[in-house]
């Protein structure tokens, strides 16, 4: 028997709240079970392990992030705006109820020296997805050099996310203006 969608949602809500605020290693699966208000048997009916719960939470988070990014792209009027929309999306995502003080994918990667396959896969999917999308958005601006521009922008995005840990209330404007300089330089 499968898990009801609402039960799965409660488990993933609890996991996200605990893993991405307290830390993954610091959060025992029993805390997720208690926060979700389910039994261990119910949780394990849908998820084989704590890492499977984490991977599912990351995958759900990635879908929500992409929706936010898509909306920011849709509001943009030109190629540069669509490429810079990632920064608008970062700010918007942080302000959403499921937002967090930094990137859940970077957090998951940082907590595991050797991540379990399902966690490594979720982190890799986010990285590849960001790289691919940034490359596609950079192509009208940088042409054949779109991949290089995307790599540079991915580095700026990752640095911006890391700065959120260093400074509460970190503003993304500096990262956005740095990205705009990279875009301008790629046009030369």
N, C-alpha and C. Protein backbone atom coordinates (compact mmCIF):
# COMPACT_ATOMS: atom_id res chain seq x y z
N UNK A 1 0.83 -1.18 0.00
CA UNK A 1 0.00 0.00 0.00
C UNK A 1 0.88 1.24 0.00
N UNK A 2 0.60 2.17 -0.89
CA UNK A 2 1.38 3.39 -0.99
C UNK A 2 1.01 4.41 0.07
N UNK A 3 1.73 5.47 0.06
CA UNK A 3 1.51 6.54 1.02
C UNK A 3 0.55 7.56 0.42
N UNK A 4 -0.33 8.08 1.23
CA UNK A 4 -1.25 9.12 0.79
C UNK A 4 -0.46 10.39 0.48
N UNK A 5 -0.85 11.12 -0.56
CA UNK A 5 -0.11 12.34 -0.92
C UNK A 5 -0.02 13.35 0.24
N UNK A 6 -1.08 13.51 0.98
CA UNK A 6 -1.06 14.46 2.10
C UNK A 6 -0.08 14.02 3.19
N UNK A 7 0.00 12.72 3.43
CA UNK A 7 0.95 12.21 4.42
C UNK A 7 2.38 12.44 3.95
N UNK A 8 2.62 12.16 2.68
CA UNK A 8 3.95 12.40 2.11
C UNK A 8 4.30 13.89 2.22
N UNK A 9 3.36 14.75 1.94
CA UNK A 9 3.59 16.19 2.04
C UNK A 9 3.95 16.59 3.47
N UNK A 10 3.24 16.03 4.45
CA UNK A 10 3.55 16.35 5.86
C UNK A 10 4.97 15.90 6.22
N UNK A 11 5.34 14.73 5.75
CA UNK A 11 6.69 14.23 6.04
C UNK A 11 7.74 15.12 5.39
N UNK A 12 7.53 15.48 4.13
CA UNK A 12 8.50 16.32 3.44
C UNK A 12 8.54 17.74 4.01
N UNK A 13 7.38 18.26 4.42
CA UNK A 13 7.36 19.57 5.09
C UNK A 13 8.19 19.52 6.37
N UNK A 14 7.99 18.48 7.15
CA UNK A 14 8.74 18.34 8.41
C UNK A 14 10.22 18.17 8.12
N UNK A 15 10.55 17.35 7.15
CA UNK A 15 11.96 17.12 6.81
C UNK A 15 12.62 18.42 6.35
N UNK A 16 11.96 19.15 5.46
CA UNK A 16 12.52 20.42 4.99
C UNK A 16 12.74 21.38 6.15
N UNK A 17 11.74 21.52 6.97
CA UNK A 17 11.84 22.46 8.08
C UNK A 17 13.01 22.09 9.00
N UNK A 18 13.13 20.84 9.33
CA UNK A 18 14.18 20.42 10.26
C UNK A 18 15.56 20.32 9.60
N UNK A 19 15.64 19.64 8.46
CA UNK A 19 16.94 19.46 7.81
C UNK A 19 17.57 20.79 7.41
N UNK A 20 16.75 21.70 6.88
CA UNK A 20 17.31 22.91 6.30
C UNK A 20 17.37 24.09 7.26
N UNK A 21 16.97 23.86 8.52
CA UNK A 21 17.17 24.89 9.54
C UNK A 21 18.11 24.39 10.64
N UNK A 22 17.94 23.15 11.06
CA UNK A 22 18.81 22.59 12.11
C UNK A 22 20.04 21.90 11.56
N UNK A 23 19.93 21.38 10.35
CA UNK A 23 21.00 20.60 9.75
C UNK A 23 20.58 19.16 9.61
N UNK A 24 21.12 18.50 8.63
CA UNK A 24 20.74 17.12 8.33
C UNK A 24 21.28 16.17 9.40
N UNK A 25 22.57 16.26 9.67
CA UNK A 25 23.18 15.36 10.66
C UNK A 25 22.59 15.59 12.06
N UNK A 26 22.24 16.84 12.35
CA UNK A 26 21.72 17.18 13.67
C UNK A 26 20.26 16.79 13.86
N UNK A 27 19.63 16.33 12.80
CA UNK A 27 18.20 16.00 12.86
C UNK A 27 18.00 14.50 12.76
N UNK A 28 17.65 13.85 13.84
CA UNK A 28 17.36 12.41 13.75
C UNK A 28 16.02 12.19 13.03
N UNK A 29 15.89 11.06 12.41
CA UNK A 29 14.66 10.75 11.68
C UNK A 29 13.46 10.75 12.63
N UNK A 30 13.69 10.42 13.89
CA UNK A 30 12.60 10.45 14.87
C UNK A 30 12.02 11.86 15.02
N UNK A 31 12.84 12.88 14.86
CA UNK A 31 12.35 14.26 14.93
C UNK A 31 11.44 14.57 13.74
N UNK A 32 11.80 14.05 12.57
CA UNK A 32 10.95 14.23 11.38
C UNK A 32 9.62 13.52 11.59
N UNK A 33 9.69 12.31 12.10
CA UNK A 33 8.47 11.53 12.37
C UNK A 33 7.56 12.27 13.34
N UNK A 34 8.14 12.78 14.42
CA UNK A 34 7.35 13.51 15.42
C UNK A 34 6.76 14.78 14.84
N UNK A 35 7.57 15.55 14.10
CA UNK A 35 7.07 16.80 13.52
C UNK A 35 5.97 16.54 12.51
N UNK A 36 6.10 15.46 11.73
CA UNK A 36 5.08 15.13 10.72
C UNK A 36 3.83 14.53 11.34
N UNK A 37 3.96 14.02 12.56
CA UNK A 37 2.81 13.40 13.22
C UNK A 37 2.43 12.07 12.60
N UNK A 38 3.44 11.32 12.20
CA UNK A 38 3.20 9.99 11.61
C UNK A 38 3.98 8.95 12.41
N UNK A 39 3.67 7.70 12.16
CA UNK A 39 4.43 6.62 12.81
C UNK A 39 5.66 6.31 11.97
N UNK A 40 6.61 5.64 12.60
CA UNK A 40 7.80 5.20 11.87
C UNK A 40 7.41 4.27 10.73
N UNK A 41 6.44 3.40 10.98
CA UNK A 41 5.99 2.47 9.93
C UNK A 41 5.43 3.23 8.73
N UNK A 42 4.71 4.30 8.99
CA UNK A 42 4.17 5.10 7.88
C UNK A 42 5.29 5.75 7.09
N UNK A 43 6.25 6.35 7.78
CA UNK A 43 7.37 6.99 7.08
C UNK A 43 8.11 5.96 6.24
N UNK A 44 8.43 4.81 6.84
CA UNK A 44 9.22 3.81 6.12
C UNK A 44 8.43 3.07 5.05
N UNK A 45 7.13 3.23 5.04
CA UNK A 45 6.32 2.69 3.95
C UNK A 45 6.61 3.47 2.66
N UNK A 46 6.90 4.74 2.82
CA UNK A 46 7.13 5.59 1.65
C UNK A 46 8.60 5.87 1.36
N UNK A 47 9.44 5.75 2.38
CA UNK A 47 10.85 6.11 2.23
C UNK A 47 11.72 5.04 2.88
N UNK A 48 12.73 4.60 2.18
CA UNK A 48 13.58 3.52 2.69
C UNK A 48 14.53 3.98 3.79
N UNK A 49 14.83 5.28 3.86
CA UNK A 49 15.83 5.75 4.80
C UNK A 49 15.70 7.26 5.00
N UNK A 50 16.45 7.77 5.96
CA UNK A 50 16.52 9.21 6.16
C UNK A 50 17.03 9.90 4.90
N UNK A 51 17.99 9.29 4.26
CA UNK A 51 18.56 9.86 3.03
C UNK A 51 17.53 9.88 1.90
N UNK A 52 16.65 8.90 1.86
CA UNK A 52 15.58 8.90 0.85
C UNK A 52 14.59 10.03 1.12
N UNK A 53 14.31 10.31 2.39
CA UNK A 53 13.46 11.44 2.74
C UNK A 53 14.14 12.73 2.32
N UNK A 54 15.43 12.85 2.62
CA UNK A 54 16.19 14.04 2.23
C UNK A 54 16.18 14.23 0.72
N UNK A 55 16.44 13.16 -0.02
CA UNK A 55 16.46 13.26 -1.48
C UNK A 55 15.10 13.70 -2.02
N UNK A 56 14.03 13.16 -1.47
CA UNK A 56 12.68 13.56 -1.90
C UNK A 56 12.41 15.02 -1.55
N UNK A 57 12.87 15.46 -0.39
CA UNK A 57 12.70 16.87 0.00
C UNK A 57 13.48 17.77 -0.95
N UNK A 58 14.69 17.36 -1.31
CA UNK A 58 15.49 18.15 -2.24
C UNK A 58 14.84 18.20 -3.63
N UNK A 59 14.34 17.07 -4.08
CA UNK A 59 13.69 17.04 -5.40
C UNK A 59 12.46 17.94 -5.41
N UNK A 60 11.69 17.90 -4.36
CA UNK A 60 10.50 18.76 -4.28
C UNK A 60 10.93 20.23 -4.23
N UNK A 61 11.98 20.49 -3.49
CA UNK A 61 12.49 21.86 -3.38
C UNK A 61 12.98 22.36 -4.74
N UNK A 62 13.62 21.48 -5.49
CA UNK A 62 14.10 21.88 -6.81
C UNK A 62 12.92 22.25 -7.72
N UNK A 63 11.85 21.49 -7.67
CA UNK A 63 10.67 21.82 -8.49
C UNK A 63 10.12 23.19 -8.10
N UNK A 64 10.04 23.47 -6.81
CA UNK A 64 9.54 24.77 -6.35
C UNK A 64 10.49 25.90 -6.78
N UNK A 65 11.79 25.64 -6.69
CA UNK A 65 12.79 26.63 -7.11
C UNK A 65 12.64 26.93 -8.61
N UNK A 66 12.48 25.89 -9.41
CA UNK A 66 12.35 26.10 -10.85
C UNK A 66 11.08 26.88 -11.20
N UNK A 67 10.01 26.65 -10.47
CA UNK A 67 8.79 27.44 -10.69
C UNK A 67 9.04 28.91 -10.39
N UNK A 68 9.75 29.18 -9.32
CA UNK A 68 10.07 30.56 -8.96
C UNK A 68 10.97 31.20 -10.01
N UNK A 69 11.96 30.44 -10.47
CA UNK A 69 12.88 30.94 -11.49
C UNK A 69 12.13 31.17 -12.81
N UNK A 70 11.27 30.23 -13.19
CA UNK A 70 10.46 30.40 -14.41
C UNK A 70 9.64 31.68 -14.36
N UNK A 71 9.05 31.95 -13.22
CA UNK A 71 8.23 33.16 -13.07
C UNK A 71 9.09 34.42 -13.22
N UNK A 72 10.29 34.39 -12.68
CA UNK A 72 11.20 35.53 -12.80
C UNK A 72 11.63 35.71 -14.26
N UNK A 73 11.90 34.63 -14.95
CA UNK A 73 12.26 34.70 -16.37
C UNK A 73 11.10 35.28 -17.17
N UNK A 74 9.90 34.84 -16.88
CA UNK A 74 8.72 35.30 -17.62
C UNK A 74 8.49 36.80 -17.45
N UNK A 75 8.91 37.36 -16.33
CA UNK A 75 8.74 38.80 -16.10
C UNK A 75 9.81 39.64 -16.80
N UNK A 76 10.82 39.00 -17.37
CA UNK A 76 11.93 39.71 -17.99
C UNK A 76 11.63 40.06 -19.44
N UNK A 77 12.13 41.23 -19.86
CA UNK A 77 11.82 41.74 -21.19
C UNK A 77 12.87 41.45 -22.25
N UNK A 78 14.08 41.11 -21.84
CA UNK A 78 15.14 40.91 -22.83
C UNK A 78 16.06 39.77 -22.39
N UNK A 79 17.01 39.43 -23.26
CA UNK A 79 17.90 38.29 -23.00
C UNK A 79 18.72 38.49 -21.73
N UNK A 80 19.25 39.69 -21.52
CA UNK A 80 20.03 39.93 -20.31
C UNK A 80 19.16 39.81 -19.07
N UNK A 81 17.96 40.35 -19.12
CA UNK A 81 17.04 40.26 -17.99
C UNK A 81 16.68 38.82 -17.67
N UNK A 82 16.50 38.00 -18.71
CA UNK A 82 16.18 36.59 -18.48
C UNK A 82 17.36 35.87 -17.83
N UNK A 83 18.58 36.23 -18.22
CA UNK A 83 19.75 35.61 -17.62
C UNK A 83 19.94 36.08 -16.18
N UNK A 84 19.69 37.35 -15.92
CA UNK A 84 19.82 37.89 -14.56
C UNK A 84 18.64 37.52 -13.67
N UNK A 85 17.59 36.98 -14.25
CA UNK A 85 16.40 36.61 -13.48
C UNK A 85 16.70 35.60 -12.38
N UNK A 86 17.79 34.88 -12.51
CA UNK A 86 18.16 33.93 -11.46
C UNK A 86 18.31 34.65 -10.13
N UNK A 87 18.80 35.89 -10.15
CA UNK A 87 18.99 36.64 -8.91
C UNK A 87 17.65 37.14 -8.35
N UNK A 88 16.74 37.52 -9.25
CA UNK A 88 15.39 37.88 -8.80
C UNK A 88 14.72 36.66 -8.17
N UNK A 89 14.94 35.51 -8.79
CA UNK A 89 14.35 34.28 -8.27
C UNK A 89 14.94 33.90 -6.91
N UNK A 90 16.24 34.10 -6.73
CA UNK A 90 16.86 33.81 -5.44
C UNK A 90 16.22 34.64 -4.32
N UNK A 91 16.01 35.90 -4.60
CA UNK A 91 15.39 36.77 -3.60
C UNK A 91 13.94 36.35 -3.35
N UNK A 92 13.21 36.10 -4.42
CA UNK A 92 11.81 35.69 -4.27
C UNK A 92 11.70 34.36 -3.53
N UNK A 93 12.57 33.41 -3.85
CA UNK A 93 12.52 32.10 -3.22
C UNK A 93 12.83 32.20 -1.73
N UNK A 94 13.79 33.02 -1.38
CA UNK A 94 14.15 33.20 0.03
C UNK A 94 12.96 33.72 0.83
N UNK A 95 12.14 34.54 0.19
CA UNK A 95 11.01 35.16 0.88
C UNK A 95 9.76 34.28 0.92
N UNK A 96 9.77 33.15 0.22
CA UNK A 96 8.63 32.24 0.23
C UNK A 96 8.61 31.46 1.55
N UNK A 97 7.45 30.90 1.91
CA UNK A 97 7.36 30.14 3.17
C UNK A 97 8.40 29.02 3.28
N UNK A 98 8.72 28.37 2.16
CA UNK A 98 9.72 27.29 2.22
C UNK A 98 11.13 27.79 1.98
N UNK A 99 11.29 29.08 1.82
CA UNK A 99 12.62 29.62 1.61
C UNK A 99 13.51 29.33 2.81
N UNK A 100 14.78 29.53 2.64
CA UNK A 100 15.69 29.30 3.75
C UNK A 100 16.83 30.30 3.67
N UNK A 101 17.65 30.27 4.69
CA UNK A 101 18.70 31.27 4.76
C UNK A 101 19.79 31.06 3.72
N UNK A 102 19.84 29.87 3.13
CA UNK A 102 20.75 29.65 2.01
C UNK A 102 20.29 28.47 1.22
N UNK A 103 21.17 27.82 0.49
CA UNK A 103 20.79 26.77 -0.45
C UNK A 103 20.78 25.39 0.21
N UNK A 104 19.65 24.73 0.15
CA UNK A 104 19.53 23.39 0.72
C UNK A 104 20.45 22.39 0.01
N UNK A 105 20.70 22.60 -1.25
CA UNK A 105 21.58 21.70 -2.01
C UNK A 105 23.04 21.87 -1.59
N UNK A 106 23.47 23.11 -1.40
CA UNK A 106 24.81 23.34 -0.89
C UNK A 106 24.94 22.79 0.53
N UNK A 107 23.88 22.95 1.32
CA UNK A 107 23.90 22.41 2.68
C UNK A 107 24.03 20.90 2.69
N UNK A 108 23.27 20.24 1.83
CA UNK A 108 23.34 18.78 1.75
C UNK A 108 24.73 18.34 1.28
N UNK A 109 25.27 19.03 0.29
CA UNK A 109 26.60 18.68 -0.20
C UNK A 109 27.66 18.89 0.87
N UNK A 110 27.49 19.94 1.67
CA UNK A 110 28.47 20.24 2.72
C UNK A 110 28.43 19.25 3.87
N UNK A 111 27.28 18.68 4.14
CA UNK A 111 27.14 17.80 5.30
C UNK A 111 27.67 16.39 5.07
N UNK A 112 27.86 16.00 3.84
CA UNK A 112 28.31 14.63 3.54
C UNK A 112 29.67 14.65 2.85
N UNK A 113 30.66 14.02 3.48
CA UNK A 113 31.95 13.86 2.81
C UNK A 113 31.80 12.92 1.62
N UNK A 114 30.99 11.90 1.80
CA UNK A 114 30.71 10.94 0.75
C UNK A 114 29.19 10.71 0.75
N UNK A 115 28.46 11.54 0.00
CA UNK A 115 27.00 11.48 0.08
C UNK A 115 26.43 10.16 -0.43
N UNK A 116 25.36 9.69 0.21
CA UNK A 116 24.67 8.50 -0.29
C UNK A 116 24.19 8.77 -1.72
N UNK A 117 24.04 7.73 -2.53
CA UNK A 117 23.70 7.92 -3.94
C UNK A 117 22.46 8.77 -4.20
N UNK A 118 21.40 8.58 -3.41
CA UNK A 118 20.18 9.35 -3.67
C UNK A 118 20.37 10.84 -3.37
N UNK A 119 21.19 11.16 -2.38
CA UNK A 119 21.47 12.56 -2.06
C UNK A 119 22.40 13.15 -3.11
N UNK A 120 23.45 12.40 -3.46
CA UNK A 120 24.37 12.87 -4.50
C UNK A 120 23.63 13.12 -5.81
N UNK A 121 22.69 12.26 -6.13
CA UNK A 121 21.91 12.41 -7.36
C UNK A 121 21.06 13.68 -7.33
N UNK A 122 20.43 13.97 -6.20
CA UNK A 122 19.59 15.17 -6.08
C UNK A 122 20.44 16.44 -6.19
N UNK A 123 21.61 16.44 -5.54
CA UNK A 123 22.50 17.60 -5.60
C UNK A 123 23.02 17.77 -7.02
N UNK A 124 23.43 16.68 -7.64
CA UNK A 124 23.94 16.73 -9.01
C UNK A 124 22.86 17.23 -9.97
N UNK A 125 21.63 16.78 -9.79
CA UNK A 125 20.53 17.22 -10.66
C UNK A 125 20.33 18.73 -10.55
N UNK A 126 20.44 19.28 -9.35
CA UNK A 126 20.31 20.72 -9.18
C UNK A 126 21.45 21.45 -9.88
N UNK A 127 22.67 20.98 -9.68
CA UNK A 127 23.83 21.63 -10.30
C UNK A 127 23.75 21.56 -11.82
N UNK A 128 23.47 20.39 -12.34
CA UNK A 128 23.37 20.23 -13.80
C UNK A 128 22.22 21.07 -14.35
N UNK A 129 21.11 21.08 -13.63
CA UNK A 129 19.97 21.89 -14.07
C UNK A 129 20.29 23.37 -14.11
N UNK A 130 20.96 23.87 -13.07
CA UNK A 130 21.36 25.29 -13.06
C UNK A 130 22.32 25.58 -14.21
N UNK A 131 23.32 24.73 -14.36
CA UNK A 131 24.32 24.93 -15.42
C UNK A 131 23.65 24.92 -16.80
N UNK A 132 22.77 23.96 -17.04
CA UNK A 132 22.10 23.83 -18.33
C UNK A 132 21.22 25.04 -18.61
N UNK A 133 20.44 25.42 -17.63
CA UNK A 133 19.52 26.56 -17.81
C UNK A 133 20.30 27.85 -18.02
N UNK A 134 21.34 28.08 -17.23
CA UNK A 134 22.14 29.29 -17.41
C UNK A 134 22.80 29.31 -18.79
N UNK A 135 23.26 28.15 -19.25
CA UNK A 135 23.87 28.08 -20.59
C UNK A 135 22.84 28.42 -21.66
N UNK A 136 21.66 27.87 -21.55
CA UNK A 136 20.61 28.16 -22.54
C UNK A 136 20.25 29.64 -22.54
N UNK A 137 20.15 30.23 -21.35
CA UNK A 137 19.81 31.64 -21.25
C UNK A 137 20.96 32.53 -21.74
N UNK A 138 22.19 32.05 -21.61
CA UNK A 138 23.37 32.83 -22.04
C UNK A 138 23.60 32.75 -23.54
N UNK A 139 23.09 31.73 -24.19
CA UNK A 139 23.37 31.52 -25.61
C UNK A 139 23.04 32.72 -26.50
N UNK A 140 21.88 33.39 -26.34
CA UNK A 140 21.61 34.55 -27.20
C UNK A 140 22.58 35.71 -26.97
N UNK A 141 23.22 35.74 -25.83
CA UNK A 141 24.14 36.82 -25.50
C UNK A 141 25.58 36.46 -25.84
N UNK A 142 25.99 35.26 -25.46
CA UNK A 142 27.40 34.87 -25.57
C UNK A 142 27.67 33.89 -26.70
N UNK A 143 26.66 33.40 -27.36
CA UNK A 143 26.87 32.47 -28.48
C UNK A 143 27.65 31.24 -28.07
N UNK A 144 28.74 31.00 -28.76
CA UNK A 144 29.56 29.81 -28.51
C UNK A 144 30.21 29.82 -27.12
N UNK A 145 30.30 30.98 -26.52
CA UNK A 145 30.90 31.09 -25.19
C UNK A 145 29.86 31.01 -24.07
N UNK A 146 28.65 30.60 -24.39
CA UNK A 146 27.57 30.54 -23.40
C UNK A 146 27.92 29.63 -22.23
N UNK A 147 28.55 28.51 -22.49
CA UNK A 147 28.91 27.59 -21.41
C UNK A 147 29.89 28.21 -20.43
N UNK A 148 30.85 28.95 -20.95
CA UNK A 148 31.82 29.62 -20.08
C UNK A 148 31.14 30.70 -19.24
N UNK A 149 30.28 31.49 -19.87
CA UNK A 149 29.54 32.51 -19.12
C UNK A 149 28.66 31.86 -18.06
N UNK A 150 28.02 30.77 -18.41
CA UNK A 150 27.16 30.07 -17.44
C UNK A 150 27.97 29.58 -16.25
N UNK A 151 29.17 29.06 -16.48
CA UNK A 151 30.02 28.60 -15.37
C UNK A 151 30.38 29.76 -14.44
N UNK A 152 30.69 30.89 -15.02
CA UNK A 152 31.03 32.06 -14.21
C UNK A 152 29.82 32.53 -13.39
N UNK A 153 28.66 32.51 -14.04
CA UNK A 153 27.45 32.93 -13.34
C UNK A 153 27.08 31.94 -12.24
N UNK A 154 27.28 30.65 -12.49
CA UNK A 154 27.01 29.64 -11.47
C UNK A 154 27.89 29.87 -10.25
N UNK A 155 29.13 30.28 -10.49
CA UNK A 155 30.04 30.59 -9.39
C UNK A 155 29.53 31.81 -8.60
N UNK A 156 29.03 32.82 -9.30
CA UNK A 156 28.49 34.01 -8.62
C UNK A 156 27.24 33.64 -7.82
N UNK A 157 26.37 32.84 -8.42
CA UNK A 157 25.15 32.41 -7.72
C UNK A 157 25.52 31.63 -6.45
N UNK A 158 26.45 30.69 -6.58
CA UNK A 158 26.86 29.88 -5.41
C UNK A 158 27.50 30.75 -4.33
N UNK A 159 28.31 31.72 -4.75
CA UNK A 159 28.92 32.63 -3.78
C UNK A 159 27.87 33.49 -3.09
N UNK A 160 26.88 33.93 -3.84
CA UNK A 160 25.80 34.72 -3.25
C UNK A 160 25.05 33.90 -2.20
N UNK A 161 24.77 32.65 -2.53
CA UNK A 161 24.08 31.78 -1.58
C UNK A 161 24.92 31.56 -0.32
N UNK A 162 26.22 31.38 -0.49
CA UNK A 162 27.10 31.18 0.66
C UNK A 162 27.17 32.44 1.53
N UNK A 163 27.11 33.62 0.92
CA UNK A 163 27.15 34.87 1.69
C UNK A 163 25.93 35.00 2.60
N UNK A 164 24.86 34.33 2.26
CA UNK A 164 23.67 34.37 3.11
C UNK A 164 23.96 33.74 4.48
N UNK A 165 24.92 32.83 4.53
CA UNK A 165 25.30 32.24 5.82
C UNK A 165 26.17 33.19 6.63
N UNK A 166 26.98 33.95 5.92
CA UNK A 166 27.91 34.85 6.60
C UNK A 166 27.23 36.09 7.14
N UNK A 167 26.22 36.58 6.41
CA UNK A 167 25.58 37.83 6.79
C UNK A 167 24.07 37.69 6.73
N UNK A 168 23.42 37.78 7.86
CA UNK A 168 21.96 37.76 7.91
C UNK A 168 21.43 38.94 7.10
N UNK A 169 20.40 38.70 6.32
CA UNK A 169 19.82 39.76 5.51
C UNK A 169 20.66 40.14 4.32
N UNK A 170 21.59 39.29 3.92
CA UNK A 170 22.46 39.55 2.77
C UNK A 170 21.62 39.96 1.56
N UNK A 171 22.05 40.99 0.87
CA UNK A 171 21.36 41.50 -0.30
C UNK A 171 22.03 40.97 -1.56
N UNK A 172 21.24 40.53 -2.51
CA UNK A 172 21.74 39.92 -3.73
C UNK A 172 22.17 40.95 -4.78
N UNK A 173 22.04 42.23 -4.49
CA UNK A 173 22.35 43.26 -5.49
C UNK A 173 23.80 43.19 -5.98
N UNK A 174 24.75 42.94 -5.08
CA UNK A 174 26.15 42.89 -5.50
C UNK A 174 26.39 41.71 -6.44
N UNK A 175 25.80 40.57 -6.14
CA UNK A 175 25.94 39.41 -7.02
C UNK A 175 25.32 39.70 -8.38
N UNK A 176 24.17 40.33 -8.38
CA UNK A 176 23.49 40.67 -9.63
C UNK A 176 24.34 41.64 -10.46
N UNK A 177 24.89 42.65 -9.83
CA UNK A 177 25.71 43.61 -10.59
C UNK A 177 27.01 42.97 -11.07
N UNK A 178 27.57 42.05 -10.29
CA UNK A 178 28.75 41.30 -10.73
C UNK A 178 28.41 40.46 -11.96
N UNK A 179 27.27 39.82 -11.92
CA UNK A 179 26.81 39.03 -13.07
C UNK A 179 26.60 39.92 -14.29
N UNK A 180 26.05 41.10 -14.08
CA UNK A 180 25.83 42.02 -15.20
C UNK A 180 27.16 42.43 -15.83
N UNK A 181 28.20 42.60 -15.02
CA UNK A 181 29.53 42.91 -15.56
C UNK A 181 30.06 41.74 -16.38
N UNK A 182 29.86 40.52 -15.90
CA UNK A 182 30.30 39.35 -16.65
C UNK A 182 29.57 39.25 -17.99
N UNK A 183 28.28 39.55 -17.97
CA UNK A 183 27.49 39.51 -19.19
C UNK A 183 27.99 40.56 -20.17
N UNK A 184 28.23 41.78 -19.67
CA UNK A 184 28.73 42.85 -20.53
C UNK A 184 30.07 42.47 -21.14
N UNK A 185 30.96 41.88 -20.34
CA UNK A 185 32.28 41.48 -20.84
C UNK A 185 32.16 40.37 -21.87
N UNK A 186 31.15 39.54 -21.76
CA UNK A 186 31.00 38.43 -22.72
C UNK A 186 30.53 38.91 -24.08
N UNK A 187 30.02 40.13 -24.15
CA UNK A 187 29.54 40.70 -25.41
C UNK A 187 30.67 41.32 -26.22
N UNK A 188 31.81 41.51 -25.62
CA UNK A 188 32.93 42.18 -26.32
C UNK A 188 33.59 41.26 -27.29
